[in-house]
Amino acid sequence: MQITELMLSAAIREAREAGLFHRHCSPSELEINKQVMHSVLNAALSAERMKSVTLDSPDHSLMHGT
């Protein structure tokens, strides 16, 4: 799954509301925030893909009886 601008904007908005990012920042800080959030979203999507691959693998079925 690709990270879209809409996803990125929503994540940054939530981070601001949670106090993780400043509400008012310079253009350079905004660009850094975008890069950071893109990395976070990428990590989350990668973890989800790995979970899916791991749960669907034959080894998982044998180990967990599923």
N, C-alpha and C. Protein backbone atom coordinates (compact mmCIF):
# COMPACT_ATOMS: atom_id res chain seq x y z
N MET A 1 0.84 -1.17 0.00
CA MET A 1 0.00 0.00 0.00
C MET A 1 0.89 1.24 0.00
N GLN A 2 0.54 2.18 -0.85
CA GLN A 2 1.26 3.43 -0.95
C GLN A 2 0.73 4.43 0.08
N ILE A 3 1.62 5.22 0.63
CA ILE A 3 1.21 6.29 1.53
C ILE A 3 0.81 7.48 0.66
N THR A 4 -0.42 7.90 0.82
CA THR A 4 -0.93 9.02 0.02
C THR A 4 -0.76 10.33 0.77
N GLU A 5 -0.91 11.43 0.04
CA GLU A 5 -0.85 12.76 0.68
C GLU A 5 -1.97 12.90 1.70
N LEU A 6 -3.12 12.32 1.41
CA LEU A 6 -4.25 12.37 2.33
C LEU A 6 -3.92 11.66 3.64
N MET A 7 -3.31 10.48 3.54
CA MET A 7 -2.89 9.74 4.73
C MET A 7 -1.87 10.52 5.53
N LEU A 8 -0.90 11.10 4.82
CA LEU A 8 0.15 11.86 5.46
C LEU A 8 -0.42 13.09 6.17
N SER A 9 -1.31 13.80 5.51
CA SER A 9 -1.93 14.99 6.11
C SER A 9 -2.74 14.62 7.35
N ALA A 10 -3.50 13.55 7.27
CA ALA A 10 -4.30 13.11 8.41
C ALA A 10 -3.41 12.72 9.59
N ALA A 11 -2.33 12.03 9.32
CA ALA A 11 -1.42 11.61 10.39
C ALA A 11 -0.75 12.82 11.04
N ILE A 12 -0.35 13.78 10.23
CA ILE A 12 0.29 14.99 10.77
C ILE A 12 -0.72 15.78 11.60
N ARG A 13 -1.96 15.87 11.12
CA ARG A 13 -3.01 16.58 11.86
C ARG A 13 -3.22 15.92 13.23
N GLU A 14 -3.28 14.59 13.25
CA GLU A 14 -3.45 13.87 14.51
C GLU A 14 -2.25 14.09 15.44
N ALA A 15 -1.05 14.09 14.86
CA ALA A 15 0.16 14.32 15.66
C ALA A 15 0.14 15.72 16.28
N ARG A 16 -0.32 16.70 15.52
CA ARG A 16 -0.43 18.07 16.05
C ARG A 16 -1.43 18.12 17.20
N GLU A 17 -2.58 17.50 17.00
CA GLU A 17 -3.63 17.50 18.03
C GLU A 17 -3.15 16.79 19.30
N ALA A 18 -2.30 15.80 19.14
CA ALA A 18 -1.76 15.07 20.29
C ALA A 18 -0.58 15.79 20.93
N GLY A 19 -0.13 16.87 20.30
CA GLY A 19 0.99 17.62 20.85
C GLY A 19 2.36 17.10 20.45
N LEU A 20 2.40 16.20 19.48
CA LEU A 20 3.68 15.64 19.04
C LEU A 20 4.41 16.57 18.08
N PHE A 21 3.66 17.33 17.30
CA PHE A 21 4.22 18.33 16.39
C PHE A 21 3.65 19.69 16.77
N HIS A 22 4.43 20.75 16.54
CA HIS A 22 3.96 22.11 16.80
C HIS A 22 2.85 22.47 15.83
N ARG A 23 1.88 23.22 16.32
CA ARG A 23 0.78 23.65 15.45
C ARG A 23 1.25 24.64 14.39
N HIS A 24 2.13 25.53 14.77
CA HIS A 24 2.65 26.54 13.84
C HIS A 24 4.15 26.30 13.70
N CYS A 25 4.58 26.03 12.50
CA CYS A 25 6.00 25.77 12.28
C CYS A 25 6.43 26.36 10.94
N SER A 26 7.72 26.47 10.80
CA SER A 26 8.28 27.02 9.56
C SER A 26 8.15 26.00 8.43
N PRO A 27 8.29 26.44 7.19
CA PRO A 27 8.24 25.49 6.07
C PRO A 27 9.27 24.37 6.18
N SER A 28 10.45 24.69 6.69
CA SER A 28 11.46 23.63 6.83
C SER A 28 11.06 22.63 7.92
N GLU A 29 10.46 23.12 9.01
CA GLU A 29 9.99 22.20 10.06
C GLU A 29 8.84 21.34 9.55
N LEU A 30 7.98 21.93 8.74
CA LEU A 30 6.88 21.18 8.17
C LEU A 30 7.40 20.05 7.28
N GLU A 31 8.42 20.34 6.50
CA GLU A 31 9.01 19.31 5.63
C GLU A 31 9.63 18.19 6.47
N ILE A 32 10.31 18.55 7.55
CA ILE A 32 10.89 17.54 8.45
C ILE A 32 9.78 16.69 9.07
N ASN A 33 8.70 17.35 9.52
CA ASN A 33 7.56 16.62 10.10
C ASN A 33 6.97 15.64 9.09
N LYS A 34 6.86 16.06 7.83
CA LYS A 34 6.34 15.17 6.78
C LYS A 34 7.25 13.96 6.60
N GLN A 35 8.56 14.20 6.59
CA GLN A 35 9.51 13.10 6.42
C GLN A 35 9.43 12.12 7.60
N VAL A 36 9.33 12.67 8.79
CA VAL A 36 9.24 11.83 9.99
C VAL A 36 7.96 11.01 9.95
N MET A 37 6.84 11.65 9.66
CA MET A 37 5.56 10.95 9.65
C MET A 37 5.53 9.92 8.52
N HIS A 38 6.12 10.23 7.40
CA HIS A 38 6.19 9.26 6.29
C HIS A 38 6.95 8.02 6.75
N SER A 39 8.03 8.20 7.47
CA SER A 39 8.80 7.07 7.99
C SER A 39 7.98 6.25 8.98
N VAL A 40 7.24 6.94 9.84
CA VAL A 40 6.40 6.25 10.83
C VAL A 40 5.32 5.42 10.13
N LEU A 41 4.64 6.04 9.17
CA LEU A 41 3.60 5.32 8.43
C LEU A 41 4.18 4.15 7.65
N ASN A 42 5.34 4.34 7.06
CA ASN A 42 6.01 3.25 6.34
C ASN A 42 6.32 2.09 7.27
N ALA A 43 6.82 2.39 8.45
CA ALA A 43 7.14 1.35 9.43
C ALA A 43 5.88 0.60 9.84
N ALA A 44 4.80 1.33 10.06
CA ALA A 44 3.54 0.69 10.45
C ALA A 44 3.01 -0.22 9.34
N LEU A 45 3.06 0.26 8.11
CA LEU A 45 2.59 -0.56 6.99
C LEU A 45 3.49 -1.78 6.78
N SER A 46 4.79 -1.61 6.96
CA SER A 46 5.72 -2.74 6.82
C SER A 46 5.46 -3.79 7.89
N ALA A 47 5.21 -3.35 9.10
CA ALA A 47 4.92 -4.28 10.19
C ALA A 47 3.64 -5.05 9.90
N GLU A 48 2.64 -4.36 9.38
CA GLU A 48 1.38 -5.01 9.04
C GLU A 48 1.57 -6.04 7.93
N ARG A 49 2.39 -5.69 6.93
CA ARG A 49 2.67 -6.65 5.85
C ARG A 49 3.41 -7.86 6.39
N MET A 50 4.38 -7.63 7.27
CA MET A 50 5.14 -8.75 7.84
C MET A 50 4.23 -9.63 8.68
N LYS A 51 3.33 -9.03 9.43
CA LYS A 51 2.38 -9.79 10.23
C LYS A 51 1.53 -10.67 9.34
N SER A 52 1.07 -10.12 8.24
CA SER A 52 0.23 -10.85 7.31
C SER A 52 1.00 -12.02 6.70
N VAL A 53 2.23 -11.78 6.30
CA VAL A 53 3.07 -12.83 5.71
C VAL A 53 3.35 -13.91 6.75
N THR A 54 3.67 -13.50 7.96
CA THR A 54 4.00 -14.45 9.02
C THR A 54 2.79 -15.30 9.37
N LEU A 55 1.62 -14.69 9.52
CA LEU A 55 0.42 -15.44 9.89
C LEU A 55 -0.04 -16.37 8.78
N ASP A 56 0.26 -16.05 7.54
CA ASP A 56 -0.15 -16.88 6.42
C ASP A 56 0.87 -17.95 6.06
N SER A 57 2.04 -17.93 6.70
CA SER A 57 3.08 -18.88 6.32
C SER A 57 2.76 -20.27 6.86
N PRO A 58 3.22 -21.30 6.17
CA PRO A 58 2.97 -22.68 6.62
C PRO A 58 3.60 -22.95 7.99
N ASP A 59 4.75 -22.35 8.28
CA ASP A 59 5.42 -22.57 9.55
C ASP A 59 4.56 -22.08 10.71
N HIS A 60 3.87 -20.98 10.53
CA HIS A 60 3.01 -20.44 11.59
C HIS A 60 1.88 -21.43 11.88
N SER A 61 1.31 -22.02 10.86
CA SER A 61 0.21 -22.97 11.04
C SER A 61 0.68 -24.17 11.83
N LEU A 62 1.86 -24.67 11.54
CA LEU A 62 2.37 -25.84 12.24
C LEU A 62 2.69 -25.52 13.69
N MET A 63 3.25 -24.35 13.93
CA MET A 63 3.66 -23.98 15.28
C MET A 63 2.48 -23.67 16.17
N HIS A 64 1.41 -23.11 15.63
CA HIS A 64 0.31 -22.64 16.44
C HIS A 64 -0.98 -23.42 16.23
N GLY A 65 -0.92 -24.45 15.40
CA GLY A 65 -2.09 -25.28 15.19
C GLY A 65 -3.26 -24.58 14.53
N THR A 66 -2.94 -23.56 13.71
CA THR A 66 -4.03 -22.82 13.05
C THR A 66 -4.14 -23.22 11.60
